[in-house]
Amino acid sequence: MKTPGIRFGGRLVGRRKREARDVLAVALVALVSAGLSAAVTLGETARRFIDGSVPHPLFRSARHFLFLFLLGLLFLTYRRWRTADRREREIENILAAISPDALLVVDLARRIAMSSPSVKPMFGYEPEELIGRTTDLLYEDRRTDRRVPEIRDEIARTGHHLGRARGRRRNGAPMPLEIISAGLSGGGAVLLVRDISDRVKAEDALEESRRKAAAVVDNVLVGLFHASAEGRLTMANAALARLFGFGTPAEFLAAVKTLGPDLFADPDRHRELRRRLEAADEVLRFEARLQRPGGAPFWASLNLRAVRDPGGTLRGYDGGIEDISIRREAEETMRQSLERLRRSTGSIIDVMVMAVEARDPYTSGHQRRVADLARAIAAEMGLPRDRVDGLRMAGVVHDIGKISIPSEILTTPRKLSEIEFNLVKSHAQLGHDLIKDIDFPWPIAEMVLQHHERLDGSGYPRGLKGEAVMLEARILAVADVVEAISFHRPYRPALGLDRALEDISQGRGTLYDPEVADACLRLFREKGFSFDRPTRSAEFRQGG
């Protein structure tokens, strides 16, 4: 039965070789002793034959003792060899089980002198089959063997060599190998051969992922970059290079070292960006005009995020730059269109207001004065500029429904009958119906409809109460009352501003919104608002 293990030149290696030598030495001693014993026996036999005497007991006892001594020594040596052999085989089996790497010993001619059991699962050869064969058998690429002189030089310098090669299994299938070589003092080398198929697959998959990621970074339309903590640009994609007029990222990085103030058309925007980055680790949608080297500026949107290590130390910045010139041009075009539309709408409204005032000359200027005061009240209350502008527009047209009321009723100097008064009160609904289909940026029609509603529900046309009345309508109501009491009407003379403010104070919280009433009173009593000074009211408009 063939014992498994590592064979060297057909002879046992290592401890087994030494034990075999010991057994042979003992056997040789036993043979010499047996020869001497046989000579002594023959001498004794001859003497007995000659003189017919009995052998001397001393000779017989010495012979038996020497024989038994040699027999015991031979037994102990054999037992020692078997124990060492069994131990070595156990070590080989353990190594084969825990390490898939193949161990080879080659001589100077690259012939395999020793092979471990792991060569069988790796290459498909029995260990004994490789003894005496060259390593050409195990390599697919013969150039690996042509590198032997280079490998020997490196081993001589460093004591070992680590490299890769294309291996070949017995069935011809290729596989990638990693080989660690170490020199032997008597010549030759020890090779530790490892199958790295799984590692190569993982490396290939990682490289493919990197390639795809690089392709995404280069093909994305947004310019991407990485900068060090000091602001030095260390990475840029193709989109960023094109954005600044360069052919490749390398050309861009060679010309543009930092994302510094020289890239900003307005240095103040660069300082603002630095300030925001110091205040927070992320700045999003920061718009600024950037300057191409030697070219025209362009509008860009910047996004930057600080990169920190686990200890919180700043390591750099990741960022992106997007050209938004087209969007900004479109926004500017839209702004100009809206401005033209606003002016056109304002002109139309002015014509309608003039038509209303022509039919009621006694209240000429009423809507404009209400609009000025309403806008000033809204600004005093801190409403956004857009809502203030919408309120001003509603104030200008809040009585436009009176264009449908007979001028005889509007200008009569006497007290109106109930029917006439109800007809006048319909102007809120008529004004709503007249402009409801105009696409204003604000709910102007609803403001016109509600401007005679009161906080306690006593107003018209729908008797709304509290928060059901929109804030702009509550402001218009106060402004309308103050102007109406302060100025002349066909059926009575002007009662004056003091009387108007007194009415607002008395109705605060019942008829009029208290916050709106307080803002109106502050304007007149503390901030000097006056209907007679439109420039003063304009100051309040700008505050919104």
Protein backbone atom coordinates (compact mmCIF):
# COMPACT_ATOMS: atom_id res chain seq x y z
CA MET A 1 0.00 0.00 0.00
CA LYS A 2 1.46 3.37 -1.04
CA THR A 3 1.72 5.80 1.84
CA PRO A 4 0.70 9.40 1.13
CA GLY A 5 3.23 12.11 1.66
CA ILE A 6 5.89 14.25 0.05
CA ARG A 7 8.52 12.33 -1.94
CA PHE A 8 11.95 13.66 -2.82
CA GLY A 9 13.87 11.88 -5.62
CA GLY A 10 12.03 8.64 -4.85
CA ARG A 11 13.46 8.57 -1.29
CA LEU A 12 11.88 9.59 1.98
CA VAL A 13 12.63 13.20 2.94
CA GLY A 14 13.13 15.00 6.23
CA ARG A 15 12.82 12.99 9.39
CA ARG A 16 11.88 9.83 7.58
CA LYS A 17 15.13 9.95 5.66
CA ARG A 18 17.15 10.24 8.87
CA GLU A 19 15.16 7.46 10.51
CA ALA A 20 15.77 5.23 7.49
CA ARG A 21 19.50 5.85 7.86
CA ASP A 22 19.31 4.86 11.51
CA VAL A 23 17.51 1.61 10.65
CA LEU A 24 20.08 0.76 8.00
CA ALA A 25 22.95 1.42 10.45
CA VAL A 26 21.39 -0.82 13.09
CA ALA A 27 20.77 -3.50 10.50
CA LEU A 28 24.41 -3.28 9.41
CA VAL A 29 25.59 -3.60 13.03
CA ALA A 30 23.27 -6.58 13.43
CA LEU A 31 24.74 -8.26 10.38
CA VAL A 32 28.32 -7.69 11.57
CA SER A 33 27.38 -8.98 15.02
CA ALA A 34 25.65 -11.97 13.49
CA GLY A 35 28.82 -12.66 11.46
CA LEU A 36 31.02 -12.44 14.53
CA SER A 37 28.57 -14.63 16.42
CA ALA A 38 28.67 -17.15 13.60
CA ALA A 39 32.52 -17.09 13.61
CA VAL A 40 32.58 -17.65 17.35
CA THR A 41 30.11 -20.50 16.97
CA LEU A 42 32.16 -22.13 14.23
CA GLY A 43 35.34 -21.81 16.39
CA GLU A 44 33.59 -23.40 19.32
CA THR A 45 32.26 -26.17 17.16
CA ALA A 46 35.72 -26.85 15.72
CA ARG A 47 37.33 -26.93 19.13
CA ARG A 48 34.66 -29.31 20.43
CA PHE A 49 35.19 -31.50 17.38
CA ILE A 50 38.91 -31.61 17.99
CA ASP A 51 39.03 -32.25 21.72
CA GLY A 52 35.45 -33.39 22.31
CA SER A 53 34.90 -30.90 25.16
CA VAL A 54 31.69 -29.00 26.03
CA PRO A 55 31.43 -25.30 24.93
CA HIS A 56 32.37 -22.86 27.57
CA PRO A 57 29.27 -21.28 29.16
CA LEU A 58 30.74 -17.79 28.98
CA PHE A 59 30.87 -17.91 25.20
CA ARG A 60 27.31 -19.17 24.98
CA SER A 61 25.93 -16.44 27.31
CA ALA A 62 27.79 -13.60 25.51
CA ARG A 63 26.43 -14.72 22.20
CA HIS A 64 22.88 -14.80 23.45
CA PHE A 65 23.20 -11.37 25.14
CA LEU A 66 24.59 -9.73 22.00
CA PHE A 67 21.82 -11.18 19.89
CA LEU A 68 19.08 -10.01 22.25
CA PHE A 69 20.66 -6.52 22.53
CA LEU A 70 20.79 -6.09 18.80
CA LEU A 71 17.24 -7.37 18.39
CA GLY A 72 15.96 -4.85 20.97
CA LEU A 73 17.85 -1.97 19.39
CA LEU A 74 16.41 -2.84 15.99
CA PHE A 75 12.87 -2.96 17.43
CA LEU A 76 13.19 0.42 19.17
CA THR A 77 14.60 2.05 16.04
CA TYR A 78 11.76 0.67 13.90
CA ARG A 79 9.17 1.83 16.41
CA ARG A 80 10.70 5.32 16.47
CA TRP A 81 10.63 5.46 12.69
CA ARG A 82 6.96 4.37 12.52
CA THR A 83 5.95 6.98 15.12
CA ALA A 84 7.75 9.73 13.23
CA ASP A 85 6.26 8.55 9.93
CA ARG A 86 2.72 8.55 11.36
CA ARG A 87 3.23 12.02 12.87
CA GLU A 88 4.56 13.41 9.61
CA ARG A 89 1.64 11.99 7.65
CA GLU A 90 -0.78 13.56 10.15
CA ILE A 91 0.94 16.94 9.70
CA GLU A 92 0.71 16.57 5.90
CA ASN A 93 -3.00 15.75 6.08
CA ILE A 94 -3.65 18.75 8.34
CA LEU A 95 -1.73 21.07 6.03
CA ALA A 96 -3.60 19.72 3.01
CA ALA A 97 -6.92 20.28 4.81
CA ILE A 98 -6.30 23.81 6.05
CA SER A 99 -4.26 25.20 3.16
CA PRO A 100 -5.29 24.92 -0.49
CA ASP A 101 -1.88 26.20 -1.62
CA ALA A 102 0.45 23.84 -3.42
CA LEU A 103 4.05 23.49 -2.21
CA LEU A 104 6.74 22.62 -4.74
CA VAL A 105 10.53 22.24 -4.50
CA VAL A 106 12.41 22.69 -7.77
CA ASP A 107 16.09 22.27 -8.62
CA LEU A 108 18.26 24.58 -10.68
CA ALA A 109 16.92 23.01 -13.90
CA ARG A 110 13.34 23.77 -12.78
CA ARG A 111 12.61 20.08 -12.30
CA ILE A 112 10.08 19.34 -9.56
CA ALA A 113 11.75 17.45 -6.73
CA MET A 114 8.94 17.64 -4.20
CA SER A 115 5.17 18.29 -4.39
CA SER A 116 2.49 18.55 -1.73
CA PRO A 117 -0.91 16.78 -1.83
CA SER A 118 -2.62 20.12 -2.72
CA VAL A 119 -1.36 19.86 -6.31
CA LYS A 120 -4.06 17.29 -7.06
CA PRO A 121 -7.15 19.50 -6.39
CA MET A 122 -5.35 22.50 -7.92
CA PHE A 123 -3.79 21.01 -11.06
CA GLY A 124 -5.31 17.52 -11.31
CA TYR A 125 -1.99 15.67 -10.96
CA GLU A 126 -0.98 13.16 -8.31
CA PRO A 127 2.03 14.46 -6.34
CA GLU A 128 4.20 11.54 -7.53
CA GLU A 129 3.41 12.34 -11.18
CA LEU A 130 5.17 15.69 -10.98
CA ILE A 131 8.46 14.36 -9.58
CA GLY A 132 11.17 14.93 -12.18
CA ARG A 133 8.93 16.98 -14.48
CA THR A 134 9.68 20.66 -15.22
CA THR A 135 7.40 23.48 -14.22
CA ASP A 136 6.51 23.95 -17.94
CA LEU A 137 3.82 21.37 -17.28
CA LEU A 138 2.00 23.73 -14.91
CA TYR A 139 2.23 27.02 -16.83
CA GLU A 140 0.12 28.12 -19.78
CA ASP A 141 2.41 31.05 -20.58
CA ARG A 142 5.95 29.83 -21.29
CA ARG A 143 7.25 33.38 -20.87
CA THR A 144 6.90 32.83 -17.12
CA ASP A 145 9.80 30.36 -17.24
CA ARG A 146 11.87 32.73 -19.35
CA ARG A 147 11.74 35.14 -16.42
CA VAL A 148 13.65 32.67 -14.21
CA PRO A 149 16.95 34.62 -14.30
CA GLU A 150 15.12 37.79 -13.27
CA ILE A 151 13.36 35.91 -10.47
CA ARG A 152 16.64 34.40 -9.27
CA ASP A 153 18.22 37.85 -9.11
CA GLU A 154 15.39 39.17 -7.00
CA ILE A 155 15.58 36.17 -4.67
CA ALA A 156 19.31 36.74 -4.30
CA ARG A 157 18.68 40.38 -3.33
CA THR A 158 15.60 40.07 -1.13
CA GLY A 159 15.34 36.39 -0.26
CA HIS A 160 11.98 35.90 -1.98
CA HIS A 161 9.90 36.79 -5.03
CA LEU A 162 6.16 37.40 -5.37
CA GLY A 163 4.61 37.24 -8.81
CA ARG A 164 1.69 36.08 -10.92
CA ALA A 165 1.46 33.60 -13.77
CA ARG A 166 -1.13 31.89 -15.97
CA GLY A 167 -1.44 28.29 -14.83
CA ARG A 168 -2.79 25.29 -16.71
CA ARG A 169 -4.74 22.40 -15.24
CA ARG A 170 -4.39 18.83 -16.41
CA ASN A 171 -7.55 19.19 -18.51
CA GLY A 172 -6.08 22.25 -20.23
CA ALA A 173 -8.20 24.80 -18.39
CA PRO A 174 -6.31 28.04 -17.58
CA MET A 175 -6.24 29.67 -14.16
CA PRO A 176 -4.45 32.66 -12.61
CA LEU A 177 -1.74 31.83 -10.06
CA GLU A 178 0.11 33.74 -7.39
CA ILE A 179 3.61 32.30 -6.73
CA ILE A 180 5.84 33.02 -3.77
CA SER A 181 9.41 31.81 -4.38
CA ALA A 182 12.19 31.43 -1.81
CA GLY A 183 15.74 30.16 -2.45
CA LEU A 184 17.32 27.07 -0.91
CA SER A 185 20.91 27.11 0.38
CA GLY A 186 21.87 24.09 -1.67
CA GLY A 187 20.38 25.46 -4.91
CA GLY A 188 16.86 25.36 -6.25
CA ALA A 189 13.81 27.03 -4.73
CA VAL A 190 10.64 26.45 -2.76
CA LEU A 191 7.45 27.58 -4.53
CA LEU A 192 4.17 28.32 -2.75
CA VAL A 193 1.52 28.28 -5.51
CA ARG A 194 -1.94 29.76 -4.92
CA ASP A 195 -5.02 29.66 -7.16
CA ILE A 196 -6.35 33.26 -7.26
CA SER A 197 -9.27 32.75 -9.65
CA ASP A 198 -11.81 34.15 -7.18
CA ARG A 199 -9.59 37.11 -6.35
CA VAL A 200 -9.07 37.93 -10.03
CA LYS A 201 -12.82 37.77 -10.65
CA ALA A 202 -13.39 40.15 -7.75
CA GLU A 203 -10.65 42.47 -9.04
CA ASP A 204 -12.15 42.40 -12.53
CA ALA A 205 -15.62 43.16 -11.14
CA LEU A 206 -14.20 46.03 -9.09
CA GLU A 207 -12.34 47.39 -12.09
CA GLU A 208 -15.51 47.17 -14.18
CA SER A 209 -17.42 49.05 -11.48
CA ARG A 210 -14.72 51.71 -11.41
CA ARG A 211 -14.79 51.96 -15.17
CA LYS A 212 -18.56 52.38 -15.21
CA ALA A 213 -18.40 54.95 -12.41
CA ALA A 214 -15.70 56.85 -14.29
CA ALA A 215 -17.84 56.71 -17.45
CA VAL A 216 -20.83 58.09 -15.54
CA VAL A 217 -18.72 60.88 -14.05
CA ASP A 218 -17.26 61.77 -17.45
CA ASN A 219 -20.55 61.54 -19.35
CA VAL A 220 -22.76 63.40 -16.89
CA LEU A 221 -23.68 66.90 -18.05
CA VAL A 222 -22.89 68.51 -14.70
CA GLY A 223 -19.30 69.48 -14.03
CA LEU A 224 -17.98 67.51 -11.04
CA PHE A 225 -14.82 68.16 -9.06
CA HIS A 226 -12.96 67.43 -5.84
CA ALA A 227 -10.87 70.01 -4.03
CA SER A 228 -8.51 69.67 -1.09
CA ALA A 229 -9.19 71.37 2.23
CA GLU A 230 -6.95 74.22 1.02
CA GLY A 231 -9.09 74.63 -2.10
CA ARG A 232 -6.70 73.01 -4.62
CA LEU A 233 -8.54 71.16 -7.40
CA THR A 234 -7.50 67.50 -7.54
CA MET A 235 -10.19 65.95 -9.74
CA ALA A 236 -12.45 67.18 -12.53
CA ASN A 237 -14.66 65.38 -15.02
CA ALA A 238 -14.95 65.99 -18.76
CA ALA A 239 -18.11 68.09 -18.36
CA LEU A 240 -16.33 70.55 -16.09
CA ALA A 241 -13.42 70.83 -18.52
CA ARG A 242 -15.82 71.56 -21.40
CA LEU A 243 -17.71 74.06 -19.25
CA PHE A 244 -14.57 76.17 -18.89
CA GLY A 245 -13.48 75.71 -22.49
CA PHE A 246 -10.87 72.93 -22.14
CA GLY A 247 -10.60 69.70 -24.11
CA THR A 248 -9.75 67.32 -21.29
CA PRO A 249 -9.84 67.26 -17.47
CA ALA A 250 -6.02 67.15 -17.44
CA GLU A 251 -5.84 70.40 -19.42
CA PHE A 252 -8.35 72.02 -17.09
CA LEU A 253 -6.48 70.97 -13.92
CA ALA A 254 -3.19 72.16 -15.41
CA ALA A 255 -4.63 75.63 -16.10
CA VAL A 256 -7.05 76.04 -13.18
CA LYS A 257 -5.41 75.22 -9.86
CA THR A 258 -8.11 76.36 -7.43
CA LEU A 259 -11.73 77.38 -7.36
CA GLY A 260 -10.60 80.84 -6.37
CA PRO A 261 -11.85 84.40 -6.83
CA ASP A 262 -10.30 84.61 -10.30
CA LEU A 263 -13.02 82.24 -11.54
CA PHE A 264 -15.81 84.49 -10.24
CA ALA A 265 -16.95 87.47 -12.30
CA ASP A 266 -18.04 89.07 -9.03
CA PRO A 267 -15.46 88.56 -6.22
CA ASP A 268 -18.14 89.33 -3.65
CA ARG A 269 -19.97 86.13 -4.63
CA HIS A 270 -16.77 84.14 -3.98
CA ARG A 271 -16.48 85.67 -0.51
CA GLU A 272 -20.14 84.86 0.13
CA LEU A 273 -19.56 81.25 -0.91
CA ARG A 274 -16.59 80.95 1.45
CA ARG A 275 -18.64 82.44 4.26
CA ARG A 276 -21.44 79.93 3.75
CA LEU A 277 -19.01 77.00 3.63
CA GLU A 278 -17.49 78.10 6.92
CA ALA A 279 -20.95 78.31 8.48
CA ALA A 280 -22.19 74.94 7.15
CA ASP A 281 -20.70 71.84 5.56
CA GLU A 282 -23.06 72.02 2.59
CA VAL A 283 -24.02 74.77 0.17
CA LEU A 284 -26.70 74.02 -2.43
CA ARG A 285 -27.85 75.92 -5.53
CA PHE A 286 -25.47 78.83 -5.03
CA GLU A 287 -25.78 80.97 -8.16
CA ALA A 288 -22.98 83.15 -9.43
CA ARG A 289 -21.43 84.34 -12.67
CA LEU A 290 -18.20 82.43 -13.34
CA GLN A 291 -15.41 83.55 -15.60
CA ARG A 292 -13.88 81.30 -18.26
CA PRO A 293 -10.12 81.88 -18.61
CA GLY A 294 -9.85 84.30 -21.50
CA GLY A 295 -13.56 83.97 -22.27
CA ALA A 296 -16.97 85.39 -21.47
CA PRO A 297 -18.64 84.91 -18.06
CA PHE A 298 -21.60 82.58 -17.65
CA TRP A 299 -24.22 81.92 -15.01
CA ALA A 300 -23.64 78.78 -12.94
CA SER A 301 -25.25 76.95 -10.04
CA LEU A 302 -22.77 75.49 -7.51
CA ASN A 303 -23.28 72.68 -5.01
CA LEU A 304 -20.51 71.93 -2.50
CA ARG A 305 -20.24 69.46 0.37
CA ALA A 306 -17.42 69.19 2.91
CA VAL A 307 -15.67 65.81 3.22
CA ARG A 308 -14.53 64.93 6.74
CA ASP A 309 -12.78 61.90 8.21
CA PRO A 310 -14.30 59.93 11.13
CA GLY A 311 -12.55 62.32 13.53
CA GLY A 312 -14.25 65.35 11.99
CA THR A 313 -11.14 66.77 10.32
CA LEU A 314 -11.84 68.53 7.02
CA ARG A 315 -10.29 66.57 4.13
CA GLY A 316 -11.69 68.43 1.16
CA TYR A 317 -14.80 69.32 -0.81
CA ASP A 318 -16.90 67.46 -3.38
CA GLY A 319 -18.82 69.72 -5.70
CA GLY A 320 -20.69 70.23 -8.91
CA ILE A 321 -21.09 73.18 -11.28
CA GLU A 322 -24.00 73.47 -13.71
CA ASP A 323 -24.31 76.02 -16.49
CA ILE A 324 -27.64 77.79 -15.97
CA SER A 325 -27.15 80.55 -18.54
CA ILE A 326 -30.07 79.35 -20.67
CA ARG A 327 -32.33 79.16 -17.62
CA ARG A 328 -31.34 82.64 -16.48
CA GLU A 329 -31.95 84.03 -19.95
CA ALA A 330 -35.36 82.34 -19.99
CA GLU A 331 -36.14 83.75 -16.53
CA GLU A 332 -35.12 87.22 -17.66
CA THR A 333 -37.25 86.91 -20.78
CA MET A 334 -40.18 85.74 -18.66
CA ARG A 335 -39.64 88.58 -16.21
CA GLN A 336 -39.68 91.10 -19.00
CA SER A 337 -42.82 89.51 -20.47
CA LEU A 338 -44.53 89.60 -17.09
CA GLU A 339 -43.50 93.21 -16.65
CA ARG A 340 -44.95 94.10 -20.03
CA LEU A 341 -48.12 92.17 -19.17
CA ARG A 342 -48.29 93.94 -15.82
CA ARG A 343 -47.95 97.32 -17.47
CA SER A 344 -50.57 96.38 -20.06
CA THR A 345 -52.95 95.16 -17.36
CA GLY A 346 -52.29 98.29 -15.35
CA SER A 347 -53.10 100.43 -18.36
CA ILE A 348 -56.36 98.57 -18.89
CA ILE A 349 -57.23 98.95 -15.22
CA ASP A 350 -56.41 102.65 -15.37
CA VAL A 351 -58.79 103.08 -18.28
CA MET A 352 -61.54 101.29 -16.36
CA VAL A 353 -60.86 103.40 -13.26
CA MET A 354 -61.03 106.55 -15.34
CA ALA A 355 -64.36 105.40 -16.72
CA VAL A 356 -65.71 104.88 -13.19
CA GLU A 357 -64.43 108.25 -12.01
CA ALA A 358 -65.90 109.97 -15.08
CA ARG A 359 -69.33 108.71 -14.07
CA ASP A 360 -68.81 109.77 -10.42
CA PRO A 361 -66.66 112.94 -10.38
CA TYR A 362 -67.42 113.57 -6.71
CA THR A 363 -65.38 110.50 -5.67
CA SER A 364 -62.59 110.99 -8.20
CA GLY A 365 -59.32 109.61 -6.83
CA HIS A 366 -61.06 107.48 -4.19
CA GLN A 367 -59.79 104.12 -5.49
CA ARG A 368 -56.21 105.33 -5.85
CA ARG A 369 -56.18 106.76 -2.33
CA VAL A 370 -57.64 103.53 -0.93
CA ALA A 371 -54.99 101.60 -2.85
CA ASP A 372 -52.19 103.76 -1.40
CA LEU A 373 -53.42 103.39 2.18
CA ALA A 374 -54.12 99.66 1.86
CA ARG A 375 -50.64 99.09 0.49
CA ALA A 376 -49.08 101.11 3.31
CA ILE A 377 -51.06 99.16 5.94
CA ALA A 378 -49.94 95.83 4.41
CA ALA A 379 -46.32 96.98 4.44
CA GLU A 380 -46.65 98.07 8.07
CA MET A 381 -47.96 94.61 8.94
CA GLY A 382 -44.93 93.01 7.28
CA LEU A 383 -46.73 91.23 4.42
CA PRO A 384 -44.52 89.95 1.58
CA ARG A 385 -43.89 92.27 -1.35
CA ASP A 386 -45.92 90.09 -3.71
CA ARG A 387 -49.06 90.25 -1.52
CA VAL A 388 -48.61 94.00 -1.08
CA ASP A 389 -48.52 94.45 -4.85
CA GLY A 390 -51.67 92.34 -5.24
CA LEU A 391 -53.43 94.38 -2.58
CA ARG A 392 -52.51 97.61 -4.33
CA MET A 393 -54.03 96.27 -7.57
CA ALA A 394 -57.23 95.27 -5.75
CA GLY A 395 -57.46 98.72 -4.16
CA VAL A 396 -57.27 100.42 -7.55
CA VAL A 397 -60.26 98.43 -8.87
CA HIS A 398 -62.24 97.68 -5.70
CA ASP A 399 -65.17 99.92 -6.79
CA ILE A 400 -65.05 99.00 -10.48
CA GLY A 401 -68.49 97.42 -10.16
CA LYS A 402 -69.97 100.93 -9.88
CA ILE A 403 -69.52 101.22 -13.65
CA SER A 404 -72.80 99.27 -13.85
CA ILE A 405 -74.64 101.55 -11.40
CA PRO A 406 -76.60 104.49 -12.92
CA SER A 407 -74.60 107.70 -12.49
CA GLU A 408 -77.78 109.47 -11.24
CA ILE A 409 -77.74 107.26 -8.15
CA LEU A 410 -74.00 107.65 -7.62
CA THR A 411 -74.15 111.45 -7.76
CA THR A 412 -77.46 112.15 -6.00
CA PRO A 413 -77.03 114.64 -3.12
CA ARG A 414 -79.85 113.20 -1.07
CA LYS A 415 -80.15 110.16 1.09
CA LEU A 416 -80.69 107.03 -0.99
CA SER A 417 -83.82 104.96 -0.77
CA GLU A 418 -83.59 101.34 0.32
CA ILE A 419 -83.88 100.14 -3.29
CA GLU A 420 -81.21 102.59 -4.44
CA PHE A 421 -78.92 101.65 -1.56
CA ASN A 422 -79.30 97.93 -2.32
CA LEU A 423 -78.45 98.70 -5.92
CA VAL A 424 -75.28 100.52 -4.83
CA LYS A 425 -74.34 97.63 -2.53
CA SER A 426 -74.44 95.30 -5.54
CA HIS A 427 -71.28 96.96 -6.91
CA ALA A 428 -69.11 94.46 -4.97
CA GLN A 429 -70.69 91.47 -6.72
CA LEU A 430 -70.81 93.32 -10.07
CA GLY A 431 -67.10 94.19 -9.80
CA HIS A 432 -66.25 90.53 -8.98
CA ASP A 433 -68.22 89.28 -11.97
CA LEU A 434 -66.59 91.87 -14.22
CA ILE A 435 -62.96 90.84 -13.53
CA LYS A 436 -63.24 87.21 -12.34
CA ASP A 437 -62.11 85.86 -15.72
CA ILE A 438 -58.96 88.00 -15.84
CA ASP A 439 -55.92 85.83 -15.02
CA PHE A 440 -54.34 88.01 -12.33
CA PRO A 441 -51.39 86.62 -10.30
CA TRP A 442 -53.50 87.34 -7.19
CA PRO A 443 -57.14 86.67 -6.19
CA ILE A 444 -58.18 90.22 -7.12
CA ALA A 445 -61.81 89.32 -7.89
CA GLU A 446 -62.30 87.77 -4.43
CA MET A 447 -60.75 90.83 -2.72
CA VAL A 448 -63.18 93.08 -4.62
CA LEU A 449 -66.12 90.86 -3.64
CA GLN A 450 -65.24 90.89 0.09
CA HIS A 451 -64.09 94.47 0.67
CA HIS A 452 -67.43 95.42 2.34
CA GLU A 453 -67.52 92.37 4.63
CA ARG A 454 -67.04 93.01 8.38
CA LEU A 455 -65.40 91.00 11.14
CA ASP A 456 -68.68 90.45 13.03
CA GLY A 457 -70.61 89.32 9.92
CA SER A 458 -72.58 92.56 9.51
CA GLY A 459 -71.12 93.35 6.08
CA TYR A 460 -72.22 92.44 2.56
CA PRO A 461 -72.76 90.79 0.14
CA ARG A 462 -72.35 87.39 1.91
CA GLY A 463 -72.17 88.32 5.60
CA LEU A 464 -68.83 86.57 6.18
CA LYS A 465 -67.31 86.57 9.68
CA GLY A 466 -63.81 86.46 11.18
CA GLU A 467 -61.18 84.46 9.33
CA ALA A 468 -63.67 83.68 6.56
CA VAL A 469 -62.88 87.18 5.29
CA MET A 470 -59.51 87.12 3.56
CA LEU A 471 -56.81 89.35 5.07
CA GLU A 472 -56.49 91.55 1.99
CA ALA A 473 -60.25 92.27 2.11
CA ARG A 474 -60.00 93.20 5.81
CA ILE A 475 -57.23 95.68 4.96
CA LEU A 476 -59.25 97.14 2.07
CA ALA A 477 -62.25 97.55 4.39
CA VAL A 478 -60.28 99.73 6.84
CA ALA A 479 -58.63 101.79 4.07
CA ASP A 480 -61.99 102.26 2.32
CA VAL A 481 -63.70 103.52 5.51
CA VAL A 482 -60.87 105.93 6.39
CA GLU A 483 -60.87 107.46 2.91
CA ALA A 484 -64.67 107.64 2.67
CA ILE A 485 -65.09 109.46 6.01
CA SER A 486 -62.13 111.77 5.37
CA PHE A 487 -63.29 113.02 1.95
CA HIS A 488 -66.38 114.68 0.44
CA ARG A 489 -69.40 112.69 -0.71
CA PRO A 490 -72.34 113.87 -2.83
CA TYR A 491 -74.72 113.50 0.10
CA ARG A 492 -72.47 115.08 2.78
CA PRO A 493 -69.30 117.16 3.27
CA ALA A 494 -65.99 115.61 4.41
CA LEU A 495 -65.97 114.62 8.11
CA GLY A 496 -62.16 114.71 8.45
CA LEU A 497 -59.35 112.33 9.29
CA ASP A 498 -59.80 112.50 13.05
CA ARG A 499 -63.39 111.32 12.77
CA ALA A 500 -62.27 108.50 10.46
CA LEU A 501 -59.57 107.30 12.86
CA GLU A 502 -62.03 107.49 15.76
CA ASP A 503 -64.41 105.23 13.83
CA ILE A 504 -61.59 102.74 13.26
CA SER A 505 -60.66 102.79 16.97
CA GLN A 506 -64.26 102.20 18.03
CA GLY A 507 -64.77 99.37 15.54
CA ARG A 508 -61.47 97.66 16.36
CA GLY A 509 -62.09 93.98 17.11
CA THR A 510 -65.78 94.09 16.15
CA LEU A 511 -66.09 95.53 12.66
CA TYR A 512 -62.40 95.68 11.80
CA ASP A 513 -59.49 93.34 12.24
CA PRO A 514 -57.57 94.59 15.34
CA GLU A 515 -54.11 94.07 13.77
CA VAL A 516 -55.18 95.94 10.65
CA ALA A 517 -56.75 98.74 12.69
CA ASP A 518 -53.60 99.13 14.84
CA ALA A 519 -51.37 99.31 11.77
CA CYS A 520 -53.59 101.99 10.23
CA LEU A 521 -53.61 104.08 13.41
CA ARG A 522 -49.79 103.85 13.72
CA LEU A 523 -49.38 105.06 10.15
CA PHE A 524 -51.30 108.24 10.75
CA ARG A 525 -50.47 108.99 14.39
CA GLU A 526 -46.82 107.88 14.57
CA LYS A 527 -45.40 107.63 11.06
CA GLY A 528 -46.93 110.64 9.37
CA PHE A 529 -48.89 108.97 6.56
CA SER A 530 -50.97 111.46 4.55
CA PHE A 531 -53.25 111.19 1.53
CA ASP A 532 -51.91 114.58 0.43
CA ARG A 533 -48.32 113.29 0.13
CA PRO A 534 -48.19 110.42 -2.32
CA THR A 535 -44.38 110.38 -2.18
CA ARG A 536 -44.64 109.67 1.53
CA SER A 537 -47.01 106.79 0.84
CA ALA A 538 -44.60 105.51 -1.78
CA GLU A 539 -42.04 105.06 1.00
CA PHE A 540 -44.45 102.72 2.71
CA ARG A 541 -44.98 100.82 -0.54
CA GLN A 542 -41.28 100.12 -0.81
CA GLY A 543 -41.27 98.62 2.66
CA GLY A 544 -43.38 95.70 1.43
